[in-house]
Amino acid sequence: NVSVFERLRKEEPTALTTTQKVVEGTKTTFNLFVIIGGLGVILYLGYMVMSEFFSKVSPSSVFKMAMKKIENDDRATTILGNSIKGYGDPHSRTRKRLEHQPYEVAGVDYLRVVFHVEGSKRHGVVHCDLKKTSSGWKTRYITIVLDGFPQGRISIEDNRLEVDSDDLPDIDYSQFEMEESE
């Protein structure tokens, strides 16, 4: 009765032919590329997950940025009153849940955040919209829609013209002839 290990030890390796060497080399190379490709996919997925977790743009960071701009805006403090406070959903128990919606238009990422503000005189709903550009996230607009009567809207910041102008095609208008009307 001979064990498998003893049998393997007794068998002497045979010399490989050139064809067998090429086949073994091809198998080894293919396996190496599969392993490298798998590691590449894992690293890419890890990067995507980590960049989402540690992104500077989250609903709470947008809320903090918008609140600072609202508190420093003279029109907002005049209309809303002093001691402006902001909060998320007024119907949730903690009022900390911010309504937000990431969306994409023509391959460009956007983030819309909606929350409530309340001052000593009035209250309203803040709409804040950001756009991801090549140089980072840019604020498109921050607007407060006032509740109650009289209705109104306070535009804290509106950069849509500048931020969205990057998406417009560059057109050389000198090539077009303008006809003069009489």
Protein backbone atom coordinates (compact mmCIF):
# COMPACT_ATOMS: atom_id res chain seq x y z
CA ASN A 1 0.00 0.00 0.00
CA VAL A 2 1.71 3.17 -1.27
CA SER A 3 0.46 6.64 -0.33
CA VAL A 4 -0.15 9.40 -2.85
CA PHE A 5 2.76 11.44 -1.50
CA GLU A 6 5.17 8.56 -1.94
CA ARG A 7 3.95 8.02 -5.48
CA LEU A 8 4.43 11.70 -6.31
CA ARG A 9 7.90 11.67 -4.80
CA LYS A 10 8.93 8.65 -6.86
CA GLU A 11 7.66 10.07 -10.16
CA GLU A 12 10.33 12.02 -11.86
CA PRO A 13 9.38 15.09 -13.83
CA THR A 14 9.54 14.53 -17.53
CA ALA A 15 11.14 17.07 -19.79
CA LEU A 16 8.60 19.47 -21.27
CA THR A 17 8.38 19.93 -24.97
CA THR A 18 8.43 23.40 -26.49
CA THR A 19 4.67 23.23 -27.11
CA GLN A 20 3.98 22.29 -23.49
CA LYS A 21 6.19 25.16 -22.30
CA VAL A 22 4.25 27.62 -24.48
CA VAL A 23 0.91 26.28 -23.16
CA GLU A 24 2.06 26.53 -19.53
CA GLY A 25 3.39 30.06 -20.12
CA THR A 26 0.11 31.12 -21.72
CA LYS A 27 -1.91 29.71 -18.81
CA THR A 28 0.28 31.51 -16.29
CA THR A 29 0.07 34.81 -18.19
CA PHE A 30 -3.72 34.54 -18.54
CA ASN A 31 -4.13 33.81 -14.82
CA LEU A 32 -1.90 36.78 -13.98
CA PHE A 33 -4.05 39.12 -16.12
CA VAL A 34 -7.24 37.80 -14.47
CA ILE A 35 -5.79 38.51 -11.02
CA ILE A 36 -4.57 42.00 -12.01
CA GLY A 37 -7.94 42.78 -13.64
CA GLY A 38 -9.80 41.65 -10.50
CA LEU A 39 -7.59 43.80 -8.30
CA GLY A 40 -8.18 46.75 -10.63
CA VAL A 41 -11.96 46.34 -10.37
CA ILE A 42 -11.77 46.03 -6.57
CA LEU A 43 -9.59 49.17 -6.30
CA TYR A 44 -11.93 51.14 -8.58
CA LEU A 45 -15.02 50.13 -6.58
CA GLY A 46 -13.21 50.96 -3.33
CA TYR A 47 -12.29 54.39 -4.69
CA MET A 48 -15.89 55.08 -5.74
CA VAL A 49 -17.29 54.05 -2.34
CA MET A 50 -14.69 56.04 -0.40
CA SER A 51 -15.15 59.14 -2.55
CA GLU A 52 -18.90 59.02 -1.85
CA PHE A 53 -18.32 58.67 1.91
CA PHE A 54 -15.74 61.42 2.15
CA SER A 55 -17.21 63.76 -0.45
CA LYS A 56 -17.33 67.39 0.60
CA VAL A 57 -20.86 67.65 -0.76
CA SER A 58 -23.55 66.02 1.33
CA PRO A 59 -27.04 67.27 2.20
CA SER A 60 -25.85 68.34 5.66
CA SER A 61 -22.83 70.25 4.29
CA VAL A 62 -25.09 72.00 1.75
CA PHE A 63 -27.51 72.85 4.59
CA LYS A 64 -24.69 74.38 6.69
CA MET A 65 -23.34 76.39 3.73
CA ALA A 66 -26.80 77.70 2.79
CA MET A 67 -27.65 78.60 6.40
CA LYS A 68 -24.46 80.68 6.71
CA LYS A 69 -25.36 82.57 3.53
CA ILE A 70 -28.95 83.11 4.69
CA GLU A 71 -27.86 84.38 8.13
CA ASN A 72 -25.45 86.83 6.45
CA ASP A 73 -28.05 88.13 3.97
CA ASP A 74 -29.62 91.45 5.03
CA ARG A 75 -32.86 90.87 3.10
CA ALA A 76 -33.36 87.47 4.71
CA THR A 77 -32.82 88.77 8.25
CA THR A 78 -35.09 91.75 7.59
CA ILE A 79 -37.97 89.63 6.24
CA LEU A 80 -37.58 86.49 8.37
CA GLY A 81 -36.50 88.25 11.53
CA ASN A 82 -33.70 87.64 13.97
CA SER A 83 -32.42 84.27 15.20
CA ILE A 84 -33.04 82.36 11.98
CA LYS A 85 -33.00 78.61 12.47
CA GLY A 86 -33.09 75.91 9.84
CA TYR A 87 -34.42 72.37 10.02
CA GLY A 88 -35.32 69.45 7.82
CA ASP A 89 -38.72 67.81 7.52
CA PRO A 90 -41.12 69.53 9.97
CA HIS A 91 -43.25 66.38 10.16
CA SER A 92 -40.48 64.05 11.34
CA ARG A 93 -39.87 63.66 15.05
CA THR A 94 -36.36 65.08 15.07
CA ARG A 95 -36.76 67.52 12.16
CA LYS A 96 -33.21 66.58 11.12
CA ARG A 97 -34.09 64.66 7.96
CA LEU A 98 -33.15 66.86 4.99
CA GLU A 99 -35.04 66.42 1.76
CA HIS A 100 -32.47 65.99 -0.99
CA GLN A 101 -32.39 64.66 -4.51
CA PRO A 102 -29.30 63.89 -6.54
CA TYR A 103 -30.06 63.92 -10.26
CA GLU A 104 -28.29 63.85 -13.61
CA VAL A 105 -28.90 65.87 -16.76
CA ALA A 106 -26.94 65.09 -19.92
CA GLY A 107 -24.26 63.27 -17.93
CA VAL A 108 -23.77 66.10 -15.41
CA ASP A 109 -24.44 65.49 -11.69
CA TYR A 110 -26.65 67.85 -9.68
CA LEU A 111 -27.83 67.92 -6.06
CA ARG A 112 -30.99 69.64 -4.85
CA VAL A 113 -31.53 70.15 -1.11
CA VAL A 114 -34.78 71.46 0.40
CA PHE A 115 -35.18 72.50 4.05
CA HIS A 116 -37.17 74.89 6.21
CA VAL A 117 -36.14 78.16 7.87
CA GLU A 118 -37.87 80.07 10.62
CA GLY A 119 -37.21 83.51 12.02
CA SER A 120 -38.94 85.67 14.63
CA LYS A 121 -41.24 87.19 11.94
CA ARG A 122 -41.77 84.63 9.16
CA HIS A 123 -40.83 81.20 7.92
CA GLY A 124 -40.25 79.61 4.55
CA VAL A 125 -38.77 76.80 2.50
CA VAL A 126 -35.21 76.97 1.15
CA HIS A 127 -34.39 75.46 -2.24
CA CYS A 128 -30.70 74.97 -2.90
CA ASP A 129 -29.28 73.47 -6.11
CA LEU A 130 -25.67 72.53 -6.84
CA LYS A 131 -23.92 71.36 -10.00
CA LYS A 132 -20.78 69.25 -10.28
CA THR A 133 -18.26 70.88 -12.59
CA SER A 134 -14.68 69.98 -13.50
CA SER A 135 -13.44 72.22 -10.69
CA GLY A 136 -15.83 70.85 -8.05
CA TRP A 137 -19.39 71.52 -6.90
CA LYS A 138 -20.81 74.98 -7.65
CA THR A 139 -23.93 76.54 -6.15
CA ARG A 140 -26.51 77.24 -8.85
CA TYR A 141 -29.05 78.95 -6.60
CA ILE A 142 -30.30 79.38 -3.05
CA THR A 143 -33.87 80.66 -2.82
CA ILE A 144 -36.31 81.04 0.09
CA VAL A 145 -40.01 80.65 -0.74
CA LEU A 146 -41.92 82.45 2.01
CA ASP A 147 -44.93 80.78 3.64
CA GLY A 148 -48.09 82.68 4.52
CA PHE A 149 -49.32 86.03 3.28
CA PRO A 150 -47.98 87.99 1.48
CA GLN A 151 -46.28 85.32 -0.55
CA GLY A 152 -42.77 86.03 -1.67
CA ARG A 153 -39.40 84.74 -2.67
CA ILE A 154 -35.96 85.80 -1.50
CA SER A 155 -33.11 85.00 -3.86
CA ILE A 156 -30.01 84.58 -1.70
CA GLU A 157 -27.74 83.51 -4.54
CA ASP A 158 -28.36 82.85 -8.24
CA ASN A 159 -25.37 81.69 -10.29
CA ARG A 160 -27.24 79.74 -12.95
CA LEU A 161 -26.01 81.98 -15.77
CA GLU A 162 -22.34 81.54 -14.85
CA VAL A 163 -22.49 77.90 -13.76
CA ASP A 164 -24.61 76.69 -16.66
CA SER A 165 -22.76 78.73 -19.29
CA ASP A 166 -20.03 76.05 -19.31
CA ASP A 167 -22.51 73.68 -20.97
CA LEU A 168 -23.33 76.05 -23.82
CA PRO A 169 -21.53 75.44 -27.10
CA ASP A 170 -18.90 77.93 -28.20
CA ILE A 171 -20.28 79.61 -31.33
CA ASP A 172 -18.37 82.07 -33.44
CA TYR A 173 -21.10 84.53 -34.41
CA SER A 174 -18.79 86.42 -36.78
CA GLN A 175 -19.45 83.81 -39.43
CA PHE A 176 -23.14 84.73 -39.59
CA GLU A 177 -24.20 87.67 -41.69
CA MET A 178 -26.73 89.95 -40.10
CA GLU A 179 -29.38 91.34 -42.43
CA GLU A 180 -30.53 94.82 -41.70
CA SER A 181 -34.27 95.26 -41.63
CA GLU A 182 -35.80 98.43 -42.99
